[in-house]
Amino acid sequence: MPEKNSSNSRKRRTSAPIDPTYGHLQPQATEIEKAVLGAVMIDKDAFSIISEIIRPESFYEPRHQKIYAAVQALNMSERPVDIMTVTEELRHEGTLEDVGGPGYILEISSKVASSANVEYHAHILAQKFLARQLIQFASRIEEKAFDETADIDELMQEAEGSLFEISQKNMKTDYTQIDPVLQQAVDILQKASQNTSGLTGIPTGFTDLDDMTSGWQPSDLIILAGRPAMGKTSFALSLAKNIAVDYRNPIAFFSLEMNNVQLVNRLISNTCEISGHKILNGQLNPAEWERLDKNLRKLTGAPIYVDDTPGLSVFELRTKARRLVREKGIKIIMIDYLQLMNAAGMRFNNRQEEVSTISRSLKGLAKELDIPIIALSQLSRNVENREGLEGKRPQLSDLRESGAIEQDADMVLFVHRPEYYHIYQDEKGNDLHGMAQIIIAKHRKGATGDVLLSFRGEYTRFENREDGYIAPMPPTEGGEILGSKMNGSNAPMPDFDPFAGMPMGGPDAPF
């Protein structure tokens, strides 16, 4: 008796395709596939209901893939869809006999009396297709993992990239009726009206900048760009210090250039007002030791989380960011800098396509986590080739490697120090000695314009102008306060610059 059951079981298992890797049937629902195809051929509205849920490859049976592709082609050309038109489309494509001829088309449609459950059925097929994709993905990664010649780090990158592609292709495109969104908007407005400061987002610590932006807003992608030696990283770290130390908002800082110790050294210099050079060589005088001891307490326990993984991929970032938000309550993410990231595991024709994918992914991550993401970016050399006050001023077209950065960003800010170019007065007559312009070049939710801040080169710190700092006059030869070797700049380095040998765009502050 047991032998008979075993024999019947074997017959049942061999009656359908088997996955040779695991010896299991692939996830499938061929009868539901027939029901869906029958529904779209008897109801002209059925395809519009399921077109965003399934694609031809969502079907397991190859014949059904071809039939659905024909239905799709008819809809795209705005032709009617029924038994006759589908049959003719397949005949035109030369695949009618491959699917079983007109008889099979008729058989499918005759078994469906209603299209009432077509959406539910389509979701089942989408789930089965996703399961098959994951099985194929896992099988491929497993096979390569067994290969002793494979580079495991590269395999990890490929695995992350492939999984990201699967998730992107199967991402839901849900919509919602406007009423609940209206209520949400009104709730936010009412909450903002009770805030006398006018801040609705995370405060930057810079008064004029907060006035223009109302703080960093949830789900926004903010691009912070500048040429080498302008101090964009210094500004980012100053922001990080203000946000995490002064306002105690948890922040994650992903540094693809500096290591953790370099970041902390710059933060100590910024917070304790001690020359970075002295922090490196330890030659502090008694007053500086006292200042260090007093101000270091501000940094102790600060909610700052640093990741200095080199060559960070956008897929690794997503994984780490989700965990940090979940476990540490991160309110904002900073990345230094965008062009050093990669999208390993995916194939691109050129670097521009890869950067476009990275910027689009960062915007998607900001929306998913509902927190602002600030990504530093380089500018092209076009700025150096232009003359005059306006010529040296950065423009959106100067964003390096991809116009997609500008498109994806909710806000684009440039860090610009005219003094670096021996320009000491702006068009309004403002003295620019020791000053930096934060140029808001794009702002989806508000105004654009300039914010003028003080820049303290010896501590690599940005401050509000009203904080009382008066910049020293520059040497008669020129106005460079800070140089950098980060991107091949040959700008002279001042004597007080403690980071002349480090691959960084000017020492920074907070951290």
Protein backbone atom coordinates (compact mmCIF):
# COMPACT_ATOMS: atom_id res chain seq x y z
CA MET A 1 0.00 0.00 0.00
CA PRO A 2 2.75 2.55 0.84
CA GLU A 3 4.45 1.74 -2.46
CA LYS A 4 1.27 2.53 -4.38
CA ASN A 5 0.92 5.93 -2.68
CA SER A 6 4.56 6.65 -3.39
CA SER A 7 4.08 5.82 -7.06
CA ASN A 8 1.04 8.08 -7.36
CA SER A 9 2.91 10.85 -5.60
CA ARG A 10 5.78 10.58 -8.04
CA LYS A 11 3.36 10.75 -11.00
CA ARG A 12 1.76 13.89 -9.61
CA ARG A 13 5.09 15.57 -9.08
CA THR A 14 6.31 14.92 -12.60
CA SER A 15 3.15 16.17 -14.26
CA ALA A 16 4.34 19.83 -14.00
CA PRO A 17 7.69 21.60 -14.42
CA ILE A 18 10.07 21.13 -11.51
CA ASP A 19 12.73 23.49 -10.29
CA PRO A 20 15.91 21.37 -10.61
CA THR A 21 17.68 23.36 -7.90
CA TYR A 22 15.38 22.49 -5.02
CA GLY A 23 13.16 19.77 -6.43
CA HIS A 24 10.07 21.87 -5.81
CA LEU A 25 7.34 23.08 -8.10
CA GLN A 26 7.79 26.73 -9.03
CA PRO A 27 5.11 29.00 -7.51
CA GLN A 28 2.33 29.16 -10.08
CA ALA A 29 -1.42 29.40 -10.61
CA THR A 30 -2.13 28.47 -14.22
CA GLU A 31 -5.90 28.23 -13.74
CA ILE A 32 -5.97 31.75 -12.33
CA GLU A 33 -3.85 32.86 -15.29
CA LYS A 34 -6.59 31.52 -17.60
CA ALA A 35 -9.23 33.35 -15.56
CA VAL A 36 -7.37 36.65 -15.87
CA LEU A 37 -6.87 36.26 -19.63
CA GLY A 38 -10.50 35.31 -20.10
CA ALA A 39 -11.60 38.36 -18.09
CA VAL A 40 -9.63 40.86 -20.18
CA MET A 41 -11.13 39.40 -23.37
CA ILE A 42 -14.73 39.72 -22.19
CA ASP A 43 -14.53 43.02 -20.28
CA LYS A 44 -13.02 46.11 -21.92
CA ASP A 45 -12.28 47.69 -18.50
CA ALA A 46 -10.50 44.69 -17.01
CA PHE A 47 -7.10 45.47 -18.50
CA SER A 48 -7.02 49.01 -17.08
CA ILE A 49 -7.65 47.53 -13.63
CA ILE A 50 -4.74 45.08 -13.72
CA SER A 51 -2.25 46.74 -16.08
CA GLU A 52 -0.22 48.20 -13.20
CA ILE A 53 -0.30 44.95 -11.22
CA ILE A 54 0.97 42.39 -13.73
CA ARG A 55 3.07 42.26 -16.90
CA PRO A 56 3.48 39.51 -19.52
CA GLU A 57 6.36 37.98 -17.56
CA SER A 58 4.09 37.73 -14.50
CA PHE A 59 2.49 34.67 -16.12
CA TYR A 60 4.14 31.31 -15.51
CA GLU A 61 2.83 29.54 -18.63
CA PRO A 62 4.76 30.75 -21.76
CA ARG A 63 1.59 30.58 -23.87
CA HIS A 64 -0.18 32.88 -21.44
CA GLN A 65 2.70 35.34 -21.56
CA LYS A 66 2.27 35.67 -25.32
CA ILE A 67 -1.49 36.05 -25.09
CA TYR A 68 -1.24 38.78 -22.46
CA ALA A 69 1.44 40.55 -24.52
CA ALA A 70 -1.02 40.60 -27.42
CA VAL A 71 -3.72 42.06 -25.15
CA GLN A 72 -1.24 44.67 -23.99
CA ALA A 73 -0.30 45.60 -27.55
CA LEU A 74 -3.95 46.02 -28.51
CA ASN A 75 -4.58 48.32 -25.56
CA MET A 76 -1.51 50.42 -26.27
CA SER A 77 -2.70 51.00 -29.82
CA GLU A 78 -6.24 51.73 -28.52
CA ARG A 79 -7.81 48.83 -30.37
CA PRO A 80 -10.66 46.73 -28.94
CA VAL A 81 -9.79 43.54 -27.07
CA ASP A 82 -11.86 40.39 -27.61
CA ILE A 83 -11.41 36.83 -28.80
CA MET A 84 -11.21 37.79 -32.47
CA THR A 85 -8.81 40.75 -32.10
CA VAL A 86 -6.47 38.81 -29.80
CA THR A 87 -6.44 35.91 -32.28
CA GLU A 88 -5.62 38.27 -35.15
CA GLU A 89 -2.89 40.03 -33.16
CA LEU A 90 -1.23 36.70 -32.37
CA ARG A 91 -1.50 35.67 -36.02
CA HIS A 92 0.07 38.96 -37.03
CA GLU A 93 2.94 38.37 -34.61
CA GLY A 94 3.37 34.82 -35.87
CA THR A 95 2.75 33.24 -32.47
CA LEU A 96 -0.83 32.00 -32.85
CA GLU A 97 0.15 28.36 -33.30
CA ASP A 98 2.65 28.62 -30.44
CA VAL A 99 -0.17 29.36 -28.00
CA GLY A 100 -2.40 26.53 -29.24
CA GLY A 101 -4.27 28.21 -32.07
CA PRO A 102 -7.72 29.86 -32.08
CA GLY A 103 -9.15 26.88 -30.21
CA TYR A 104 -7.11 27.60 -27.09
CA ILE A 105 -8.11 31.28 -27.12
CA LEU A 106 -11.76 30.27 -27.31
CA GLU A 107 -11.30 27.69 -24.55
CA ILE A 108 -9.85 30.30 -22.16
CA SER A 109 -12.59 32.87 -22.71
CA SER A 110 -15.43 30.34 -22.53
CA LYS A 111 -14.49 29.37 -18.97
CA VAL A 112 -14.94 32.88 -17.58
CA ALA A 113 -18.41 34.22 -16.92
CA SER A 114 -17.44 37.42 -15.10
CA SER A 115 -14.47 39.71 -14.54
CA ALA A 116 -15.60 40.63 -11.02
CA ASN A 117 -12.53 39.15 -9.29
CA VAL A 118 -9.91 40.02 -11.89
CA GLU A 119 -8.01 42.45 -9.61
CA TYR A 120 -7.80 39.90 -6.80
CA HIS A 121 -6.62 37.25 -9.24
CA ALA A 122 -4.01 39.62 -10.69
CA HIS A 123 -2.55 40.21 -7.23
CA ILE A 124 -2.18 36.44 -6.79
CA LEU A 125 -0.26 36.21 -10.07
CA ALA A 126 1.95 39.13 -9.05
CA GLN A 127 2.82 37.39 -5.78
CA LYS A 128 3.62 34.13 -7.55
CA PHE A 129 5.85 35.97 -10.01
CA LEU A 130 7.69 37.76 -7.19
CA ALA A 131 8.24 34.44 -5.44
CA ARG A 132 9.74 32.96 -8.61
CA GLN A 133 12.04 35.97 -8.98
CA LEU A 134 13.27 35.56 -5.41
CA ILE A 135 13.87 31.84 -5.94
CA GLN A 136 15.87 32.56 -9.08
CA PHE A 137 17.80 35.29 -7.26
CA ALA A 138 18.61 33.05 -4.29
CA SER A 139 19.62 30.17 -6.56
CA ARG A 140 22.03 32.36 -8.54
CA ILE A 141 23.61 33.84 -5.41
CA GLU A 142 23.90 30.39 -3.81
CA GLU A 143 25.64 28.99 -6.88
CA LYS A 144 28.16 31.85 -6.94
CA ALA A 145 28.71 31.61 -3.17
CA PHE A 146 29.82 27.99 -3.59
CA ASP A 147 32.38 29.12 -6.16
CA GLU A 148 35.64 29.46 -4.21
CA THR A 149 37.08 31.80 -6.85
CA ALA A 150 34.28 34.34 -6.39
CA ASP A 151 35.00 37.64 -4.65
CA ILE A 152 32.56 37.71 -1.75
CA ASP A 153 32.54 41.50 -1.46
CA GLU A 154 31.61 41.80 -5.13
CA LEU A 155 28.99 39.09 -4.66
CA MET A 156 27.47 41.05 -1.80
CA GLN A 157 27.28 44.15 -4.01
CA GLU A 158 25.68 42.12 -6.80
CA ALA A 159 23.18 40.57 -4.38
CA GLU A 160 22.16 43.98 -3.03
CA GLY A 161 21.84 45.41 -6.53
CA SER A 162 19.76 42.50 -7.83
CA LEU A 163 17.45 42.55 -4.83
CA PHE A 164 17.03 46.30 -5.23
CA GLU A 165 16.09 45.83 -8.90
CA ILE A 166 13.48 43.23 -7.94
CA SER A 167 11.95 45.52 -5.31
CA GLN A 168 11.91 48.51 -7.69
CA LYS A 169 10.22 46.57 -10.49
CA ASN A 170 7.55 45.25 -8.13
CA MET A 171 6.96 48.51 -6.27
CA LYS A 172 3.31 49.30 -5.73
CA THR A 173 1.88 52.40 -7.37
CA ASP A 174 -0.95 53.04 -4.95
CA TYR A 175 -3.07 56.17 -5.00
CA THR A 176 -5.31 57.76 -2.43
CA GLN A 177 -8.39 59.96 -2.48
CA ILE A 178 -7.63 63.57 -1.55
CA ASP A 179 -9.76 63.87 1.63
CA PRO A 180 -7.35 62.18 4.09
CA VAL A 181 -4.45 64.07 2.54
CA LEU A 182 -6.31 67.37 2.98
CA GLN A 183 -6.89 66.57 6.63
CA GLN A 184 -3.22 65.74 7.09
CA ALA A 185 -2.19 69.03 5.46
CA VAL A 186 -4.57 71.01 7.70
CA ASP A 187 -3.24 69.23 10.81
CA ILE A 188 0.32 70.17 9.84
CA LEU A 189 -0.77 73.77 9.20
CA GLN A 190 -2.49 74.02 12.58
CA LYS A 191 0.54 72.59 14.33
CA ALA A 192 2.81 75.04 12.51
CA SER A 193 0.60 77.98 13.52
CA GLN A 194 1.24 77.16 17.18
CA ASN A 195 4.99 77.31 16.62
CA THR A 196 6.00 80.94 17.12
CA SER A 197 9.48 80.33 15.70
CA GLY A 198 8.06 79.49 12.28
CA LEU A 199 10.10 76.27 12.16
CA THR A 200 8.25 73.24 10.87
CA GLY A 201 11.30 71.08 10.21
CA ILE A 202 14.64 70.31 11.84
CA PRO A 203 16.40 73.58 12.77
CA THR A 204 19.75 74.25 11.12
CA GLY A 205 21.06 76.52 13.87
CA PHE A 206 21.57 79.35 11.34
CA THR A 207 18.91 82.02 11.85
CA ASP A 208 18.68 83.43 8.33
CA LEU A 209 18.75 79.97 6.78
CA ASP A 210 15.95 78.78 9.07
CA ASP A 211 13.91 81.86 8.14
CA MET A 212 14.10 80.91 4.45
CA THR A 213 13.67 77.15 4.78
CA SER A 214 11.63 76.76 8.01
CA GLY A 215 14.15 74.03 8.82
CA TRP A 216 14.96 70.82 6.97
CA GLN A 217 11.65 69.26 5.97
CA PRO A 218 10.67 65.56 6.17
CA SER A 219 11.06 63.50 2.96
CA ASP A 220 13.19 66.21 1.29
CA LEU A 221 16.39 65.46 -0.61
CA ILE A 222 18.76 68.41 -0.08
CA ILE A 223 21.85 68.71 -2.26
CA LEU A 224 24.70 70.70 -0.72
CA ALA A 225 27.26 71.48 -3.42
CA GLY A 226 30.38 73.51 -3.94
CA ARG A 227 33.80 73.63 -5.56
CA PRO A 228 36.85 72.32 -3.69
CA ALA A 229 38.05 74.65 -0.89
CA MET A 230 34.63 76.30 -0.51
CA GLY A 231 34.00 74.44 2.76
CA LYS A 232 30.92 72.40 1.89
CA THR A 233 31.99 69.60 4.21
CA SER A 234 32.81 72.14 6.92
CA PHE A 235 29.30 73.52 6.52
CA ALA A 236 27.76 70.05 6.63
CA LEU A 237 29.60 69.23 9.84
CA SER A 238 28.63 72.59 11.34
CA LEU A 239 25.02 71.71 10.56
CA ALA A 240 25.49 68.28 12.12
CA LYS A 241 26.91 69.83 15.29
CA ASN A 242 24.02 72.31 15.56
CA ILE A 243 21.39 69.64 14.93
CA ALA A 244 22.76 66.92 17.20
CA VAL A 245 24.65 68.80 19.93
CA ASP A 246 22.60 71.99 20.28
CA TYR A 247 19.12 70.63 19.45
CA ARG A 248 19.71 66.95 20.37
CA ASN A 249 18.18 65.59 17.16
CA PRO A 250 19.71 62.18 16.29
CA ILE A 251 21.70 62.31 13.06
CA ALA A 252 23.53 59.77 10.89
CA PHE A 253 26.61 60.93 8.99
CA PHE A 254 27.90 58.68 6.20
CA SER A 255 31.44 59.72 5.33
CA LEU A 256 32.95 58.16 2.22
CA GLU A 257 36.15 60.21 2.48
CA MET A 258 37.14 60.77 6.09
CA ASN A 259 37.42 58.13 8.80
CA ASN A 260 35.69 58.37 12.16
CA VAL A 261 38.69 59.84 13.99
CA GLN A 262 39.13 62.63 11.43
CA LEU A 263 35.46 63.51 11.77
CA VAL A 264 35.63 63.63 15.55
CA ASN A 265 38.83 65.71 15.45
CA ARG A 266 37.09 68.31 13.34
CA LEU A 267 34.12 68.28 15.66
CA ILE A 268 36.37 68.85 18.67
CA SER A 269 38.07 71.73 16.85
CA ASN A 270 34.69 73.23 16.03
CA THR A 271 33.14 72.86 19.46
CA CYS A 272 36.13 73.59 21.67
CA GLU A 273 37.62 76.38 19.52
CA ILE A 274 41.01 74.74 19.38
CA SER A 275 43.18 74.78 16.28
CA GLY A 276 43.01 71.52 14.40
CA HIS A 277 46.78 71.53 14.14
CA LYS A 278 47.07 71.48 17.93
CA ILE A 279 44.50 68.70 18.18
CA LEU A 280 46.68 66.61 15.88
CA ASN A 281 49.99 67.26 17.66
CA GLY A 282 48.59 67.56 21.18
CA GLN A 283 50.48 70.78 21.97
CA LEU A 284 47.71 72.57 23.88
CA ASN A 285 48.38 75.33 26.37
CA PRO A 286 46.72 75.24 29.83
CA ALA A 287 43.83 77.47 28.73
CA GLU A 288 43.13 75.22 25.76
CA TRP A 289 43.23 72.09 27.94
CA GLU A 290 40.69 73.73 30.22
CA ARG A 291 38.51 74.71 27.27
CA LEU A 292 38.76 71.19 25.88
CA ASP A 293 37.70 69.64 29.18
CA LYS A 294 34.78 72.03 29.56
CA ASN A 295 33.36 71.78 26.03
CA LEU A 296 34.02 68.11 25.46
CA ARG A 297 31.16 67.41 27.84
CA LYS A 298 28.78 68.86 25.25
CA LEU A 299 29.81 66.15 22.81
CA THR A 300 29.60 63.27 25.25
CA GLY A 301 26.41 61.32 24.56
CA ALA A 302 25.53 63.41 21.51
CA PRO A 303 23.14 61.47 19.22
CA ILE A 304 25.59 61.34 16.32
CA TYR A 305 26.11 58.07 14.44
CA VAL A 306 29.04 57.95 12.04
CA ASP A 307 29.60 55.41 9.27
CA ASP A 308 32.89 55.67 7.37
CA THR A 309 32.40 52.70 5.03
CA PRO A 310 34.42 53.46 1.86
CA GLY A 311 32.74 52.90 -1.48
CA LEU A 312 29.31 52.73 0.11
CA SER A 313 26.61 51.47 -2.26
CA VAL A 314 23.16 52.98 -2.32
CA PHE A 315 21.78 49.54 -1.38
CA GLU A 316 23.98 49.30 1.72
CA LEU A 317 22.87 52.81 2.64
CA ARG A 318 19.20 51.85 2.45
CA THR A 319 19.73 48.87 4.75
CA LYS A 320 21.76 50.84 7.29
CA ALA A 321 19.46 53.87 7.20
CA ARG A 322 16.36 51.78 7.86
CA ARG A 323 18.03 50.15 10.86
CA LEU A 324 19.27 53.48 12.26
CA VAL A 325 15.81 55.03 11.98
CA ARG A 326 14.22 52.00 13.59
CA GLU A 327 16.76 51.50 16.40
CA LYS A 328 18.20 54.98 17.04
CA GLY A 329 15.34 57.25 15.97
CA ILE A 330 17.47 59.08 13.39
CA LYS A 331 15.84 62.33 12.26
CA ILE A 332 18.20 63.32 9.43
CA ILE A 333 20.88 61.69 7.28
CA MET A 334 23.98 63.33 5.77
CA ILE A 335 26.16 61.81 3.04
CA ASP A 336 29.64 63.05 2.11
CA TYR A 337 29.59 62.83 -0.80
CA LEU A 338 27.21 61.63 -3.51
CA GLN A 339 29.77 61.06 -6.29
CA LEU A 340 31.71 58.59 -4.14
CA MET A 341 28.68 56.32 -3.83
CA ASN A 342 27.98 53.51 -6.26
CA ALA A 343 25.13 51.30 -7.41
CA ALA A 344 27.17 48.12 -7.69
CA GLY A 345 25.27 45.07 -8.84
CA MET A 346 23.36 46.98 -11.52
CA ARG A 347 24.45 47.56 -15.10
CA PHE A 348 24.83 51.03 -16.58
CA ASN A 349 25.99 52.37 -19.92
CA ASN A 350 27.84 55.26 -18.29
CA ARG A 351 28.54 56.98 -14.99
CA GLN A 352 25.76 59.52 -15.54
CA GLU A 353 23.16 56.73 -15.50
CA GLU A 354 24.62 55.37 -12.26
CA VAL A 355 24.57 58.79 -10.57
CA SER A 356 20.99 59.26 -11.75
CA THR A 357 20.03 55.96 -10.11
CA ILE A 358 21.79 56.97 -6.90
CA SER A 359 20.07 60.38 -6.67
CA ARG A 360 16.68 58.86 -7.49
CA SER A 361 17.24 56.20 -4.82
CA LEU A 362 18.17 58.82 -2.22
CA LYS A 363 14.97 60.73 -2.93
CA GLY A 364 12.98 57.49 -2.66
CA LEU A 365 14.68 56.69 0.66
CA ALA A 366 13.88 60.15 2.05
CA LYS A 367 10.21 59.63 1.18
CA GLU A 368 10.16 56.10 2.57
CA LEU A 369 11.73 57.07 5.92
CA ASP A 370 9.99 60.49 5.97
CA ILE A 371 13.18 62.28 7.02
CA PRO A 372 15.40 64.82 5.25
CA ILE A 373 18.54 63.54 3.53
CA ILE A 374 21.40 65.96 2.86
CA ALA A 375 23.83 64.76 0.19
CA LEU A 376 27.01 66.67 -0.61
CA SER A 377 27.90 66.97 -4.27
CA GLN A 378 30.74 68.25 -6.40
CA LEU A 379 30.49 71.00 -8.97
CA SER A 380 32.13 70.93 -12.39
CA ARG A 381 35.12 73.10 -13.29
CA ASN A 382 32.93 75.49 -15.28
CA VAL A 383 32.99 77.90 -12.34
CA GLU A 384 36.76 78.31 -12.61
CA ASN A 385 36.50 79.32 -16.27
CA ARG A 386 34.08 82.20 -15.64
CA GLU A 387 35.09 85.71 -14.62
CA GLY A 388 33.73 88.34 -12.26
CA LEU A 389 31.49 88.31 -9.21
CA GLU A 390 28.55 86.68 -11.00
CA GLY A 391 30.78 84.42 -13.06
CA LYS A 392 32.25 82.73 -9.99
CA ARG A 393 28.81 82.25 -8.52
CA PRO A 394 27.74 78.55 -8.82
CA GLN A 395 24.77 77.66 -11.03
CA LEU A 396 22.50 74.63 -11.17
CA SER A 397 24.06 73.66 -14.50
CA ASP A 398 27.39 73.26 -12.67
CA LEU A 399 26.18 70.17 -10.79
CA ARG A 400 28.59 67.45 -11.76
CA GLU A 401 27.85 64.23 -13.68
CA SER A 402 24.08 64.27 -13.87
CA GLY A 403 21.18 66.64 -14.44
CA ALA A 404 19.10 64.09 -12.54
CA ILE A 405 20.58 65.43 -9.29
CA GLU A 406 18.91 68.77 -9.93
CA GLN A 407 15.64 67.10 -10.92
CA ASP A 408 15.46 64.77 -7.91
CA ALA A 409 16.45 67.37 -5.30
CA ASP A 410 13.83 69.31 -3.38
CA MET A 411 16.47 71.88 -2.49
CA VAL A 412 19.90 72.71 -3.91
CA LEU A 413 22.30 74.81 -1.85
CA PHE A 414 25.73 76.05 -2.89
CA VAL A 415 28.52 76.94 -0.47
CA HIS A 416 30.41 79.86 -2.01
CA ARG A 417 33.23 81.97 -0.57
CA PRO A 418 33.89 84.91 -2.92
CA GLU A 419 36.95 85.79 -0.84
CA TYR A 420 38.64 82.68 -2.26
CA TYR A 421 38.53 84.39 -5.67
CA HIS A 422 39.82 87.72 -4.25
CA ILE A 423 36.31 89.19 -4.25
CA TYR A 424 35.73 91.12 -1.02
CA GLN A 425 32.42 92.90 -1.59
CA ASP A 426 29.08 91.75 -2.99
CA GLU A 427 26.64 93.70 -5.15
CA LYS A 428 24.86 94.96 -2.01
CA GLY A 429 28.05 96.37 -0.55
CA ASN A 430 28.41 93.66 2.11
CA ASP A 431 31.96 93.06 3.33
CA LEU A 432 32.89 89.50 2.35
CA HIS A 433 36.10 89.14 4.35
CA GLY A 434 35.78 85.90 6.28
CA MET A 435 32.24 85.40 4.96
CA ALA A 436 30.51 82.58 3.08
CA GLN A 437 27.40 82.72 0.94
CA ILE A 438 24.92 79.87 1.25
CA ILE A 439 23.07 80.12 -2.06
CA ILE A 440 19.63 78.50 -2.18
CA ALA A 441 19.42 77.90 -5.93
CA LYS A 442 16.41 75.57 -5.90
CA HIS A 443 13.64 75.31 -3.35
CA ARG A 444 10.47 73.43 -4.20
CA LYS A 445 8.63 74.54 -1.08
CA GLY A 446 9.84 78.10 -0.68
CA ALA A 447 11.96 81.01 -1.76
CA THR A 448 15.45 81.04 -3.22
CA GLY A 449 18.15 83.51 -2.24
CA ASP A 450 21.41 83.98 -0.35
CA VAL A 451 22.32 83.59 3.30
CA LEU A 452 25.52 85.23 4.54
CA LEU A 453 27.45 83.41 7.30
CA SER A 454 30.77 83.93 9.04
CA PHE A 455 33.46 81.36 8.36
CA ARG A 456 36.14 80.73 10.98
CA GLY A 457 38.89 78.96 9.11
CA GLU A 458 41.08 78.03 12.08
CA TYR A 459 38.18 76.07 13.60
CA THR A 460 36.52 75.23 10.28
CA ARG A 461 33.25 76.53 11.63
CA PHE A 462 30.34 78.44 10.15
CA GLU A 463 28.49 80.90 12.38
CA ASN A 464 25.63 83.37 12.27
CA ARG A 465 26.88 86.86 11.46
CA GLU A 466 25.30 88.27 14.62
CA ASP A 467 27.38 85.93 16.80
CA GLY A 468 29.98 88.67 16.91
CA TYR A 469 32.91 87.13 15.04
CA ILE A 470 35.03 89.63 13.08
CA ALA A 471 37.16 87.97 10.42
CA PRO A 472 40.84 88.88 10.23
CA MET A 473 42.00 90.74 7.15
CA PRO A 474 43.53 88.44 4.54
CA PRO A 475 47.18 88.62 3.40
CA THR A 476 47.84 91.23 0.73
CA GLU A 477 48.63 88.57 -1.87
CA GLY A 478 45.13 87.13 -1.95
CA GLY A 479 42.00 86.22 -0.12
CA GLU A 480 42.29 82.46 0.30
CA ILE A 481 41.42 81.42 3.81
CA LEU A 482 41.29 77.69 3.26
CA GLY A 483 42.70 75.50 0.53
CA SER A 484 42.09 71.87 -0.23
CA LYS A 485 43.69 68.93 -1.94
CA MET A 486 40.50 66.93 -1.90
CA ASN A 487 39.76 67.19 -5.57
CA GLY A 488 43.10 68.10 -6.99
CA SER A 489 42.88 71.77 -6.06
CA ASN A 490 46.22 73.58 -5.96
CA ALA A 491 44.94 76.40 -3.78
CA PRO A 492 47.52 77.49 -1.17
CA MET A 493 46.98 76.13 2.30
CA PRO A 494 47.13 78.61 5.20
CA ASP A 495 49.58 78.05 8.02
CA PHE A 496 46.83 77.29 10.49
CA ASP A 497 45.24 74.55 8.33
CA PRO A 498 45.70 71.31 10.31
CA PHE A 499 44.40 69.08 7.56
CA ALA A 500 46.66 69.99 4.63
CA GLY A 501 47.68 66.36 4.11
CA MET A 502 44.20 64.92 4.47
CA PRO A 503 41.98 64.08 1.48
CA MET A 504 39.23 66.42 2.52
CA GLY A 505 37.56 69.57 1.24
CA GLY A 506 38.54 71.77 4.12
CA PRO A 507 38.34 70.88 7.81
CA ASP A 508 34.88 70.83 9.17
CA ALA A 509 33.07 71.22 12.31
CA PRO A 510 30.42 69.34 14.15
CA PHE A 511 30.86 65.84 15.09
